[in-house]
């Protein structure tokens, strides 16, 4: 008998992938995030530098680390700016 269940392909004896874990984040690079927000990448960079922009992650060390944005954070940032 194999180590996987023929019905769903999951390994036996291990917890189902994602069970109890946070949903995987959809991360966007600066250009993708800017397109999503209908901003220029430069405007998004300025917001990051000056403050007031959406939360972001810097992957890697120092100023040369890759900056990425969680799509859920972009949506929340947009909602906070919604006006009636």
Protein backbone atom coordinates (compact mmCIF):
# COMPACT_ATOMS: atom_id res chain seq x y z
CA UNK A 1 0.00 0.00 0.00
CA UNK A 2 1.34 3.46 -0.86
CA UNK A 3 1.91 6.35 1.54
CA UNK A 4 -0.83 8.38 -0.13
CA UNK A 5 -4.57 7.90 -0.16
CA UNK A 6 -5.70 7.19 -3.72
CA UNK A 7 -8.82 9.36 -3.25
CA UNK A 8 -7.21 12.70 -2.46
CA UNK A 9 -3.42 12.36 -2.82
CA UNK A 10 -2.73 13.41 0.80
CA UNK A 11 -0.10 11.58 2.79
CA UNK A 12 -1.44 9.41 5.57
CA UNK A 13 -0.34 10.07 9.08
CA UNK A 14 0.22 13.75 8.48
CA UNK A 15 -2.06 16.67 9.11
CA UNK A 16 -3.92 17.88 6.02
CA UNK A 17 -2.11 20.74 4.31
CA UNK A 18 -3.44 24.06 5.54
CA UNK A 19 -5.52 22.55 8.33
CA UNK A 20 -5.31 24.94 11.26
CA UNK A 21 -2.87 27.17 9.38
CA UNK A 22 -3.49 30.69 8.19
CA UNK A 23 -4.57 30.94 4.57
CA UNK A 24 -1.60 31.47 2.27
CA UNK A 25 -0.98 35.16 1.55
CA UNK A 26 -1.11 36.53 -1.98
CA UNK A 27 1.98 38.73 -2.20
CA UNK A 28 2.51 41.41 -4.85
CA UNK A 29 5.70 43.20 -5.84
CA UNK A 30 5.64 47.00 -5.92
CA UNK A 31 4.65 47.25 -9.59
CA UNK A 32 1.82 44.71 -9.18
CA UNK A 33 0.58 46.45 -6.03
CA UNK A 34 0.69 49.84 -7.75
CA UNK A 35 -1.29 48.48 -10.71
CA UNK A 36 -3.81 46.94 -8.31
CA UNK A 37 -4.24 50.28 -6.50
CA UNK A 38 -4.26 52.28 -9.76
CA UNK A 39 -1.18 54.22 -8.62
CA UNK A 40 2.23 54.64 -10.16
CA UNK A 41 5.03 52.56 -8.62
CA UNK A 42 6.79 55.83 -7.74
CA UNK A 43 3.74 57.07 -5.79
CA UNK A 44 3.62 53.78 -3.86
CA UNK A 45 7.35 54.08 -3.10
CA UNK A 46 6.83 57.66 -1.88
CA UNK A 47 3.98 56.51 0.39
CA UNK A 48 6.25 53.80 1.76
CA UNK A 49 9.04 56.30 2.44
CA UNK A 50 6.87 59.11 3.86
CA UNK A 51 4.33 56.91 5.62
CA UNK A 52 0.62 56.54 5.08
CA UNK A 53 0.84 53.78 2.50
CA UNK A 54 -0.32 50.19 2.84
CA UNK A 55 1.62 47.81 5.09
CA UNK A 56 4.45 45.95 3.36
CA UNK A 57 7.10 43.31 3.93
CA UNK A 58 10.79 43.71 3.15
CA UNK A 59 12.27 40.34 2.26
CA UNK A 60 16.01 40.30 2.55
CA UNK A 61 18.35 42.60 4.36
CA UNK A 62 18.88 46.31 4.12
CA UNK A 63 17.54 48.72 1.56
CA UNK A 64 18.03 46.24 -1.26
CA UNK A 65 15.54 43.72 0.14
CA UNK A 66 12.53 42.85 -1.98
CA UNK A 67 9.39 44.76 -0.99
CA UNK A 68 6.09 42.91 -1.26
CA UNK A 69 2.51 43.70 -0.27
CA UNK A 70 -0.17 41.32 0.96
CA UNK A 71 -3.24 41.66 -1.26
CA UNK A 72 -5.49 41.58 1.82
CA UNK A 73 -3.59 44.58 3.23
CA UNK A 74 -4.05 46.44 -0.06
CA UNK A 75 -7.80 45.80 0.13
CA UNK A 76 -7.93 46.99 3.76
CA UNK A 77 -5.92 50.11 2.91
CA UNK A 78 -8.35 50.90 0.10
CA UNK A 79 -11.39 50.37 2.34
CA UNK A 80 -9.99 52.79 4.95
CA UNK A 81 -9.96 55.47 2.25
CA UNK A 82 -13.51 54.89 1.11
CA UNK A 83 -15.67 58.00 1.31
CA UNK A 84 -19.44 58.31 1.14
